[in-house]
């Protein structure tokens, strides 16, 4: 029996993991519902304006000497309640009991307004059963759908149907000697007679619309919850891959798989902390982690602001690429500008609990391949190629020459010789290269742009 119930629930309401919804996900949904309550309040105020406008332009049948005009009183009461509800919804979350009370009051005021029509126009009670204002019932029911909580939609429909049944009962019982019931449809349409079948059709329509909306909102809520969970998960996981890669995966027509790659010219920046082994030995494990996290946050900000993508954190080292995966014509200039800013920042502050850090940076421009690597169940983004290795070798050359930023000749050409203070270092033979590489150092103290 439980299996059948679960199957029916899945078929009617849609599938949803049985895992408990985390509190942060629940809070996110509740924030959306709080916003929806404000929207509901404004819509109700708009409906009130329409009703008031229709009343103002409609012909009046009562005399000016009449002691009581019910419609203005009903509209005024509804206005006060709607404004009060809107004020409370803007100040904070409305409690469940207040939402239930709001639904009851909404329907009661609408039914009271419709009921007053027979007094307003000096007609038998059955007169109000033909009022087109009943259609506003469906608007009030639909308004509850904005919260994505099926219970409130269902409650609205049940109260509306109950209210109309009471209105019908009142119309046929107010005059016991003349209930005004007829079976003639023409007589019903051309007089104040009551056709029970027509009135029950209205109640059935209210209940059917309510049922359909309840099921639709129940399914939509499950989809909403699943979407919020997936979005939150994707947002959390996106921090494990470059944001540019995450954005491309989100808009890609194909599922992300290992082997998806792109070959392009890019500028590679490799940065490593000087004497990190000694620093690590002097710090407690937690202090070391705090220092590294503080350092990474400081260094990655200028890289990303200049259009670069951090591809890997390798111990204390950072590998970043410019022009891949995000294209930018000034990728070499951006890489050098980011490197200069990084060195300036490092000279101006300490990290963690007062640790001074110095770093060396190597920059090279060449053709590399960037893409997803890994297994079918676990992927990562990285860049590969001989020019990536050269950037790491240039970083190591800084130690030999006492420099902070070392770039290749191709990077200098693309960045613009007159835009930075490049100083020729000469040709150097690096590990993995059979041909000597022409290198340049970049002064950190000034920018000749």
Protein backbone atom coordinates (compact mmCIF):
# COMPACT_ATOMS: atom_id res chain seq x y z
CA UNK A 1 0.00 0.00 0.00
CA UNK A 2 2.82 2.40 0.88
CA UNK A 3 4.52 1.63 -2.44
CA UNK A 4 1.28 2.39 -4.30
CA UNK A 5 0.91 5.66 -2.38
CA UNK A 6 4.48 6.61 -3.21
CA UNK A 7 3.91 5.82 -6.89
CA UNK A 8 0.71 7.88 -6.98
CA UNK A 9 2.42 10.75 -5.18
CA UNK A 10 5.27 10.66 -7.69
CA UNK A 11 2.85 10.51 -10.63
CA UNK A 12 0.64 13.34 -9.39
CA UNK A 13 3.15 15.59 -7.67
CA UNK A 14 6.41 14.82 -9.41
CA UNK A 15 9.59 13.17 -8.19
CA UNK A 16 11.65 14.55 -5.34
CA UNK A 17 14.43 13.06 -3.32
CA UNK A 18 13.31 11.94 0.10
CA UNK A 19 16.41 13.47 1.65
CA UNK A 20 15.71 16.17 4.19
CA UNK A 21 15.91 19.66 2.78
CA UNK A 22 18.87 21.53 4.31
CA UNK A 23 17.97 24.53 6.43
CA UNK A 24 19.81 26.96 4.13
CA UNK A 25 17.74 25.70 1.18
CA UNK A 26 14.57 26.04 3.22
CA UNK A 27 15.54 29.58 4.19
CA UNK A 28 16.13 30.45 0.54
CA UNK A 29 12.65 29.20 -0.38
CA UNK A 30 11.08 31.03 2.55
CA UNK A 31 12.72 34.27 1.46
CA UNK A 32 11.11 33.84 -1.95
CA UNK A 33 7.76 33.22 -0.26
CA UNK A 34 8.15 36.37 1.85
CA UNK A 35 8.70 38.33 -1.34
CA UNK A 36 5.64 36.65 -2.85
CA UNK A 37 3.49 37.80 0.06
CA UNK A 38 4.44 41.40 -0.67
CA UNK A 39 3.53 40.86 -4.32
CA UNK A 40 0.20 39.32 -3.28
CA UNK A 41 -0.54 42.37 -1.15
CA UNK A 42 0.09 44.75 -4.04
CA UNK A 43 -2.06 42.68 -6.40
CA UNK A 44 -4.88 42.67 -3.86
CA UNK A 45 -4.58 46.43 -3.60
CA UNK A 46 -4.86 46.58 -7.39
CA UNK A 47 -7.98 44.41 -7.34
CA UNK A 48 -9.46 46.68 -4.70
CA UNK A 49 -8.76 49.68 -6.93
CA UNK A 50 -10.57 48.00 -9.83
CA UNK A 51 -13.57 47.14 -7.66
CA UNK A 52 -13.72 50.69 -6.31
CA UNK A 53 -13.47 52.09 -9.82
CA UNK A 54 -16.27 49.86 -11.08
CA UNK A 55 -18.45 50.91 -8.15
CA UNK A 56 -17.82 54.61 -8.79
CA UNK A 57 -18.78 54.45 -12.48
CA UNK A 58 -21.75 52.10 -12.01
CA UNK A 59 -25.28 53.57 -11.72
CA UNK A 60 -26.68 53.77 -8.17
CA UNK A 61 -30.25 52.76 -7.33
CA UNK A 62 -30.37 53.92 -3.72
CA UNK A 63 -31.36 57.43 -2.75
CA UNK A 64 -28.97 59.93 -1.22
CA UNK A 65 -31.11 59.93 1.93
CA UNK A 66 -30.42 56.22 2.47
CA UNK A 67 -28.89 55.52 5.87
CA UNK A 68 -26.66 52.64 4.71
CA UNK A 69 -24.68 52.04 1.48
CA UNK A 70 -23.09 48.60 2.01
CA UNK A 71 -20.60 48.49 -0.90
CA UNK A 72 -18.45 51.45 0.27
CA UNK A 73 -18.31 49.95 3.75
CA UNK A 74 -17.22 46.57 2.38
CA UNK A 75 -14.58 48.17 0.13
CA UNK A 76 -13.31 50.30 3.01
CA UNK A 77 -13.01 47.25 5.29
CA UNK A 78 -11.15 45.37 2.56
CA UNK A 79 -8.85 48.34 1.97
CA UNK A 80 -7.93 48.55 5.67
CA UNK A 81 -7.22 44.83 5.88
CA UNK A 82 -5.20 44.77 2.63
CA UNK A 83 -3.02 47.72 3.63
CA UNK A 84 -2.48 46.23 7.11
CA UNK A 85 -1.48 42.92 5.59
CA UNK A 86 0.89 44.61 3.14
CA UNK A 87 2.57 46.58 5.92
CA UNK A 88 3.12 43.45 8.02
CA UNK A 89 4.41 41.46 5.03
CA UNK A 90 7.01 44.15 4.32
CA UNK A 91 8.16 44.18 7.94
CA UNK A 92 8.79 40.46 8.23
CA UNK A 93 7.58 36.93 7.72
CA UNK A 94 3.85 36.44 8.20
CA UNK A 95 2.97 33.58 10.60
CA UNK A 96 0.92 30.64 9.40
CA UNK A 97 -2.15 31.61 11.42
CA UNK A 98 -2.13 35.08 9.90
CA UNK A 99 -1.96 33.65 6.37
CA UNK A 100 -4.93 31.40 7.12
CA UNK A 101 -6.80 34.35 8.62
CA UNK A 102 -5.92 36.40 5.55
CA UNK A 103 -7.46 33.81 3.23
CA UNK A 104 -10.62 33.66 5.33
CA UNK A 105 -10.92 37.45 5.47
CA UNK A 106 -10.27 37.80 1.73
CA UNK A 107 -13.04 35.40 0.84
CA UNK A 108 -15.39 36.71 3.55
CA UNK A 109 -15.02 40.30 2.38
CA UNK A 110 -15.52 39.32 -1.26
CA UNK A 111 -18.58 37.24 -0.41
CA UNK A 112 -19.86 40.07 1.80
CA UNK A 113 -19.41 42.50 -1.06
CA UNK A 114 -21.33 40.22 -3.44
CA UNK A 115 -24.02 39.63 -0.78
CA UNK A 116 -24.53 43.37 -0.37
CA UNK A 117 -25.49 43.77 -4.02
CA UNK A 118 -29.11 42.81 -3.37
CA UNK A 119 -29.29 45.54 -0.73
CA UNK A 120 -27.48 48.00 -2.94
CA UNK A 121 -29.87 47.47 -5.82
CA UNK A 122 -32.95 46.77 -3.66
CA UNK A 123 -33.51 43.30 -5.05
CA UNK A 124 -34.30 39.85 -3.56
CA UNK A 125 -31.35 38.00 -2.05
CA UNK A 126 -31.15 35.68 -5.08
CA UNK A 127 -30.12 38.71 -7.13
CA UNK A 128 -26.51 38.53 -5.94
CA UNK A 129 -26.13 34.95 -7.18
CA UNK A 130 -25.90 36.31 -10.72
CA UNK A 131 -23.21 38.88 -9.85
CA UNK A 132 -20.17 38.56 -12.16
CA UNK A 133 -17.98 39.56 -9.22
CA UNK A 134 -17.90 35.84 -8.35
CA UNK A 135 -15.11 35.58 -10.95
CA UNK A 136 -12.82 37.40 -8.52
CA UNK A 137 -12.92 34.24 -6.42
CA UNK A 138 -10.68 32.54 -8.99
CA UNK A 139 -8.26 35.47 -8.84
CA UNK A 140 -7.99 35.15 -5.06
CA UNK A 141 -7.42 31.41 -5.35
CA UNK A 142 -4.77 31.92 -8.03
CA UNK A 143 -3.02 34.54 -5.88
CA UNK A 144 -2.19 31.84 -3.35
CA UNK A 145 -0.21 30.05 -6.06
CA UNK A 146 2.46 32.74 -5.86
CA UNK A 147 3.69 31.22 -2.58
CA UNK A 148 4.22 27.79 -4.15
CA UNK A 149 2.46 26.19 -1.19
CA UNK A 150 -0.45 24.00 -2.33
CA UNK A 151 -2.10 23.98 1.10
CA UNK A 152 -3.02 27.64 0.90
CA UNK A 153 -4.41 27.22 -2.62
CA UNK A 154 -6.54 24.31 -1.47
CA UNK A 155 -7.74 26.21 1.62
CA UNK A 156 -8.72 29.20 -0.54
CA UNK A 157 -10.77 27.00 -2.84
CA UNK A 158 -12.52 25.17 -0.02
CA UNK A 159 -13.42 28.43 1.74
CA UNK A 160 -14.67 29.93 -1.54
CA UNK A 161 -16.84 26.89 -2.32
CA UNK A 162 -18.18 26.81 1.25
CA UNK A 163 -18.88 30.52 1.12
CA UNK A 164 -20.86 30.22 -2.12
CA UNK A 165 -22.88 27.32 -0.75
CA UNK A 166 -23.77 29.49 2.26
CA UNK A 167 -24.69 32.35 -0.07
CA UNK A 168 -26.93 29.98 -2.04
CA UNK A 169 -28.52 28.63 1.14
CA UNK A 170 -29.20 32.16 2.36
CA UNK A 171 -30.83 33.16 -0.93
CA UNK A 172 -33.30 30.26 -0.92
CA UNK A 173 -34.01 30.27 2.82
CA UNK A 174 -34.49 33.97 3.51
CA UNK A 175 -38.08 33.67 2.31
CA UNK A 176 -39.31 30.21 3.40
CA UNK A 177 -42.67 30.71 1.66
CA UNK A 178 -40.97 31.59 -1.64
CA UNK A 179 -37.58 29.94 -2.13
CA UNK A 180 -37.61 31.15 -5.76
CA UNK A 181 -36.23 27.85 -7.04
CA UNK A 182 -36.85 27.01 -10.67
CA UNK A 183 -35.92 24.31 -13.14
CA UNK A 184 -36.50 26.52 -16.16
CA UNK A 185 -33.23 27.87 -17.50
CA UNK A 186 -34.88 30.73 -19.40
CA UNK A 187 -36.77 31.80 -16.29
CA UNK A 188 -33.52 31.61 -14.34
CA UNK A 189 -31.75 33.86 -16.83
CA UNK A 190 -34.56 36.43 -17.07
CA UNK A 191 -35.61 36.71 -13.42
CA UNK A 192 -34.34 36.47 -9.86
CA UNK A 193 -35.17 32.76 -9.71
CA UNK A 194 -32.56 30.29 -8.49
CA UNK A 195 -31.43 27.34 -10.63
CA UNK A 196 -29.76 24.96 -8.20
CA UNK A 197 -27.90 23.15 -10.96
CA UNK A 198 -26.30 26.39 -12.13
CA UNK A 199 -25.21 27.28 -8.61
CA UNK A 200 -23.77 23.82 -8.01
CA UNK A 201 -21.90 24.16 -11.32
CA UNK A 202 -20.21 27.26 -9.90
CA UNK A 203 -19.21 25.37 -6.77
CA UNK A 204 -17.92 22.44 -8.84
CA UNK A 205 -15.96 24.84 -11.05
CA UNK A 206 -14.38 26.43 -7.99
CA UNK A 207 -13.39 23.04 -6.60
CA UNK A 208 -12.07 21.74 -9.94
CA UNK A 209 -9.97 24.84 -10.52
CA UNK A 210 -8.71 24.57 -6.96
CA UNK A 211 -7.80 20.90 -7.43
CA UNK A 212 -5.95 21.54 -10.67
CA UNK A 213 -4.07 24.49 -9.19
CA UNK A 214 -3.25 22.54 -6.03
CA UNK A 215 -1.75 19.69 -8.04
CA UNK A 216 0.10 22.10 -10.32
CA UNK A 217 1.56 24.04 -7.40
CA UNK A 218 2.48 20.84 -5.57
CA UNK A 219 4.40 19.67 -8.63
CA UNK A 220 5.87 23.12 -9.17
CA UNK A 221 6.98 23.32 -5.54
CA UNK A 222 8.80 20.02 -5.80
CA UNK A 223 10.47 21.26 -8.96
CA UNK A 224 11.29 24.53 -7.20
CA UNK A 225 12.85 22.74 -4.25
CA UNK A 226 14.87 20.47 -6.53
CA UNK A 227 15.97 23.47 -8.64
CA UNK A 228 17.04 25.43 -5.57
CA UNK A 229 18.99 22.43 -4.28
CA UNK A 230 20.66 21.88 -7.64
CA UNK A 231 21.42 25.58 -8.04
CA UNK A 232 22.90 25.76 -4.56
CA UNK A 233 24.94 22.62 -5.20
CA UNK A 234 26.17 23.94 -8.54
CA UNK A 235 27.02 27.27 -6.92
CA UNK A 236 29.05 25.52 -4.24
CA UNK A 237 30.76 23.18 -6.71
CA UNK A 238 31.53 26.04 -9.09
CA UNK A 239 34.13 27.19 -6.58
CA UNK A 240 36.09 24.02 -7.36
CA UNK A 241 36.43 24.97 -11.03
CA UNK A 242 37.12 28.36 -12.66
CA UNK A 243 33.99 30.53 -12.82
CA UNK A 244 34.44 31.01 -16.56
CA UNK A 245 34.44 27.23 -17.05
CA UNK A 246 31.39 26.82 -14.83
CA UNK A 247 29.55 29.46 -16.90
CA UNK A 248 30.45 27.69 -20.15
CA UNK A 249 29.27 24.34 -18.78
CA UNK A 250 25.97 25.90 -17.67
CA UNK A 251 25.24 27.23 -21.18
CA UNK A 252 26.68 24.32 -23.15
CA UNK A 253 24.40 22.19 -25.31
CA UNK A 254 26.46 19.12 -24.43
CA UNK A 255 27.06 17.38 -21.13
CA UNK A 256 30.48 18.13 -19.65
CA UNK A 257 32.82 15.20 -20.34
CA UNK A 258 36.54 14.50 -20.12
CA UNK A 259 38.38 15.37 -23.31
CA UNK A 260 36.44 18.51 -24.18
CA UNK A 261 39.20 21.00 -24.92
CA UNK A 262 40.23 24.06 -26.89
CA UNK A 263 43.59 24.96 -28.42
CA UNK A 264 44.49 28.66 -28.42
CA UNK A 265 47.27 31.11 -27.80
CA UNK A 266 47.21 32.12 -24.16
CA UNK A 267 49.39 33.85 -21.62
CA UNK A 268 50.29 31.66 -18.68
CA UNK A 269 51.10 33.07 -15.25
CA UNK A 270 52.80 30.89 -12.67
CA UNK A 271 53.35 32.25 -9.14
CA UNK A 272 55.10 30.57 -6.23
CA UNK A 273 55.86 31.69 -2.67
CA UNK A 274 59.52 32.20 -1.88
CA UNK A 275 60.97 29.98 0.89
CA UNK A 276 57.59 28.42 1.57
CA UNK A 277 59.08 25.27 3.10
CA UNK A 278 60.77 27.28 5.84
CA UNK A 279 57.60 29.29 6.42
CA UNK A 280 55.56 26.11 6.72
CA UNK A 281 57.93 24.70 9.32
CA UNK A 282 57.64 27.84 11.45
CA UNK A 283 53.83 27.90 11.55
CA UNK A 284 51.31 25.64 13.25
CA UNK A 285 49.14 23.67 10.78
CA UNK A 286 46.03 25.82 11.29
CA UNK A 287 48.05 29.04 11.10
CA UNK A 288 49.61 27.79 7.88
CA UNK A 289 46.19 27.11 6.36
CA UNK A 290 44.92 30.53 7.45
CA UNK A 291 47.99 32.21 5.95
CA UNK A 292 47.62 30.37 2.64
CA UNK A 293 43.90 31.10 2.35
CA UNK A 294 44.52 34.77 3.09
CA UNK A 295 47.30 34.83 0.49
CA UNK A 296 45.26 33.03 -2.18
CA UNK A 297 42.35 35.46 -1.73
CA UNK A 298 44.68 38.45 -2.12
CA UNK A 299 46.47 37.08 -5.18
CA UNK A 300 43.53 35.69 -7.15
CA UNK A 301 41.55 38.95 -6.99
CA UNK A 302 43.81 40.92 -9.40
CA UNK A 303 44.20 37.85 -11.63
CA UNK A 304 40.46 37.50 -12.09
CA UNK A 305 39.85 41.25 -12.32
CA UNK A 306 42.32 41.42 -15.21
CA UNK A 307 40.46 38.66 -17.04
CA UNK A 308 42.58 35.72 -15.94
CA UNK A 309 41.39 32.29 -14.86
CA UNK A 310 42.95 30.44 -11.94
CA UNK A 311 43.31 26.90 -13.22
CA UNK A 312 45.07 25.21 -10.32
CA UNK A 313 46.29 25.68 -6.79
CA UNK A 314 49.43 23.53 -6.55
CA UNK A 315 50.47 23.57 -2.92
CA UNK A 316 51.50 27.19 -2.46
CA UNK A 317 51.71 27.82 -6.23
CA UNK A 318 49.03 29.20 -8.55
CA UNK A 319 48.64 28.45 -12.24
CA UNK A 320 46.53 30.97 -14.16
CA UNK A 321 45.73 31.52 -17.82
CA UNK A 322 44.71 34.59 -19.78
CA UNK A 323 42.69 34.24 -23.05
CA UNK A 324 41.71 30.69 -22.19
CA UNK A 325 38.96 29.77 -21.49
CA UNK A 326 37.77 33.42 -21.69
CA UNK A 327 39.01 35.24 -24.78
CA UNK A 328 40.67 38.65 -24.46
CA UNK A 329 42.81 40.36 -27.08
CA UNK A 330 45.01 42.03 -24.43
CA UNK A 331 45.78 38.80 -22.58
CA UNK A 332 49.55 39.35 -22.38
CA UNK A 333 49.17 42.91 -21.09
CA UNK A 334 46.56 41.78 -18.57
CA UNK A 335 48.81 39.03 -17.25
CA UNK A 336 51.75 41.39 -16.71
CA UNK A 337 49.49 44.04 -15.16
CA UNK A 338 48.10 41.44 -12.74
CA UNK A 339 51.62 40.29 -11.85
CA UNK A 340 52.79 43.86 -11.11
CA UNK A 341 49.75 44.49 -8.91
CA UNK A 342 50.28 41.22 -7.06
CA UNK A 343 53.86 42.14 -6.21
CA UNK A 344 52.81 45.59 -5.06
CA UNK A 345 50.15 44.08 -2.80
CA UNK A 346 52.58 41.56 -1.31
CA UNK A 347 54.98 44.35 -0.35
CA UNK A 348 52.28 46.28 1.47
CA UNK A 349 50.74 43.74 3.82
CA UNK A 350 51.16 40.58 5.87
CA UNK A 351 49.06 37.41 5.87
CA UNK A 352 47.46 35.15 8.44
CA UNK A 353 48.80 36.17 11.82
CA UNK A 354 51.41 38.65 10.58
CA UNK A 355 53.47 36.54 8.17
CA UNK A 356 55.33 38.42 5.44
CA UNK A 357 55.22 36.62 2.09
CA UNK A 358 57.27 37.17 -1.02
CA UNK A 359 56.57 35.50 -4.35
CA UNK A 360 58.16 34.94 -7.74
CA UNK A 361 56.16 35.05 -10.97
CA UNK A 362 56.85 33.58 -14.40
CA UNK A 363 54.81 34.59 -17.46
CA UNK A 364 54.88 33.05 -20.92
CA UNK A 365 52.69 33.31 -24.01
CA UNK A 366 52.20 30.44 -26.42
CA UNK A 367 49.84 27.86 -27.82
CA UNK A 368 48.29 25.65 -25.16
CA UNK A 369 45.32 23.36 -24.79
CA UNK A 370 42.74 23.95 -22.09
CA UNK A 371 40.00 21.52 -21.23
CA UNK A 372 38.34 19.04 -18.93
CA UNK A 373 40.38 16.10 -17.71
CA UNK A 374 39.65 13.25 -15.38
CA UNK A 375 37.34 10.27 -15.16
CA UNK A 376 33.67 10.05 -16.22
CA UNK A 377 32.67 10.66 -12.59
CA UNK A 378 35.16 13.35 -11.66
CA UNK A 379 36.41 16.17 -13.83
CA UNK A 380 38.73 19.12 -13.50
CA UNK A 381 39.79 21.97 -15.73
CA UNK A 382 43.44 22.57 -16.53
CA UNK A 383 45.80 23.76 -19.26
CA UNK A 384 48.53 21.71 -20.87
CA UNK A 385 51.41 22.33 -23.21
CA UNK A 386 55.11 23.05 -23.40
CA UNK A 387 54.44 26.79 -22.97
CA UNK A 388 52.75 26.09 -19.64
CA UNK A 389 55.92 24.38 -18.43
CA UNK A 390 57.99 27.33 -19.65
CA UNK A 391 56.04 29.74 -17.44
CA UNK A 392 56.95 27.56 -14.43
CA UNK A 393 60.61 27.52 -15.50
CA UNK A 394 60.63 31.32 -15.81
CA UNK A 395 59.29 31.57 -12.27
CA UNK A 396 62.27 29.54 -11.06
CA UNK A 397 64.73 31.75 -13.00
CA UNK A 398 63.76 34.69 -10.77
CA UNK A 399 65.73 33.11 -7.95
CA UNK A 400 68.90 33.01 -10.03
CA UNK A 401 68.66 36.65 -11.15
CA UNK A 402 67.13 38.15 -7.99
CA UNK A 403 64.03 39.31 -9.85
CA UNK A 404 60.32 39.10 -9.03
CA UNK A 405 58.64 38.88 -12.43
CA UNK A 406 60.19 37.08 -15.40
CA UNK A 407 58.53 37.04 -18.84
CA UNK A 408 59.31 35.50 -22.21
CA UNK A 409 60.01 37.46 -25.38
CA UNK A 410 56.61 36.59 -26.86
CA UNK A 411 54.85 37.97 -23.78
CA UNK A 412 56.88 41.17 -23.96
CA UNK A 413 56.01 41.62 -27.65
CA UNK A 414 52.26 41.21 -27.10
CA UNK A 415 52.14 43.20 -23.85
CA UNK A 416 53.86 46.18 -25.49
CA UNK A 417 57.52 47.03 -24.83
CA UNK A 418 56.65 50.64 -23.90
CA UNK A 419 53.81 49.81 -21.54
CA UNK A 420 55.91 48.20 -18.81
CA UNK A 421 59.53 48.66 -17.65
CA UNK A 422 60.98 45.52 -19.22
CA UNK A 423 64.66 44.83 -18.54
CA UNK A 424 66.48 42.30 -20.74
CA UNK A 425 68.00 39.45 -18.79
CA UNK A 426 69.40 37.57 -21.74
CA UNK A 427 69.08 34.09 -23.09
CA UNK A 428 68.64 31.24 -20.70
CA UNK A 429 68.60 27.51 -21.09
CA UNK A 430 65.74 26.01 -19.15
CA UNK A 431 65.01 22.42 -18.35
CA UNK A 432 62.93 20.77 -21.07
CA UNK A 433 64.01 23.27 -23.74
CA UNK A 434 66.70 22.53 -26.31
CA UNK A 435 66.77 26.14 -27.53
CA UNK A 436 67.74 29.07 -25.33
CA UNK A 437 64.89 31.36 -24.24
CA UNK A 438 65.12 35.16 -24.30
CA UNK A 439 63.88 36.53 -21.01
CA UNK A 440 62.94 39.89 -19.52
CA UNK A 441 62.36 41.09 -15.99
CA UNK A 442 59.60 43.55 -15.08
CA UNK A 443 60.20 46.28 -12.53
CA UNK A 444 57.61 46.33 -9.80
CA UNK A 445 58.27 49.82 -8.48
CA UNK A 446 56.91 51.71 -11.49
CA UNK A 447 54.71 51.14 -14.51
CA UNK A 448 55.77 52.83 -17.67
CA UNK A 449 52.41 52.69 -19.36
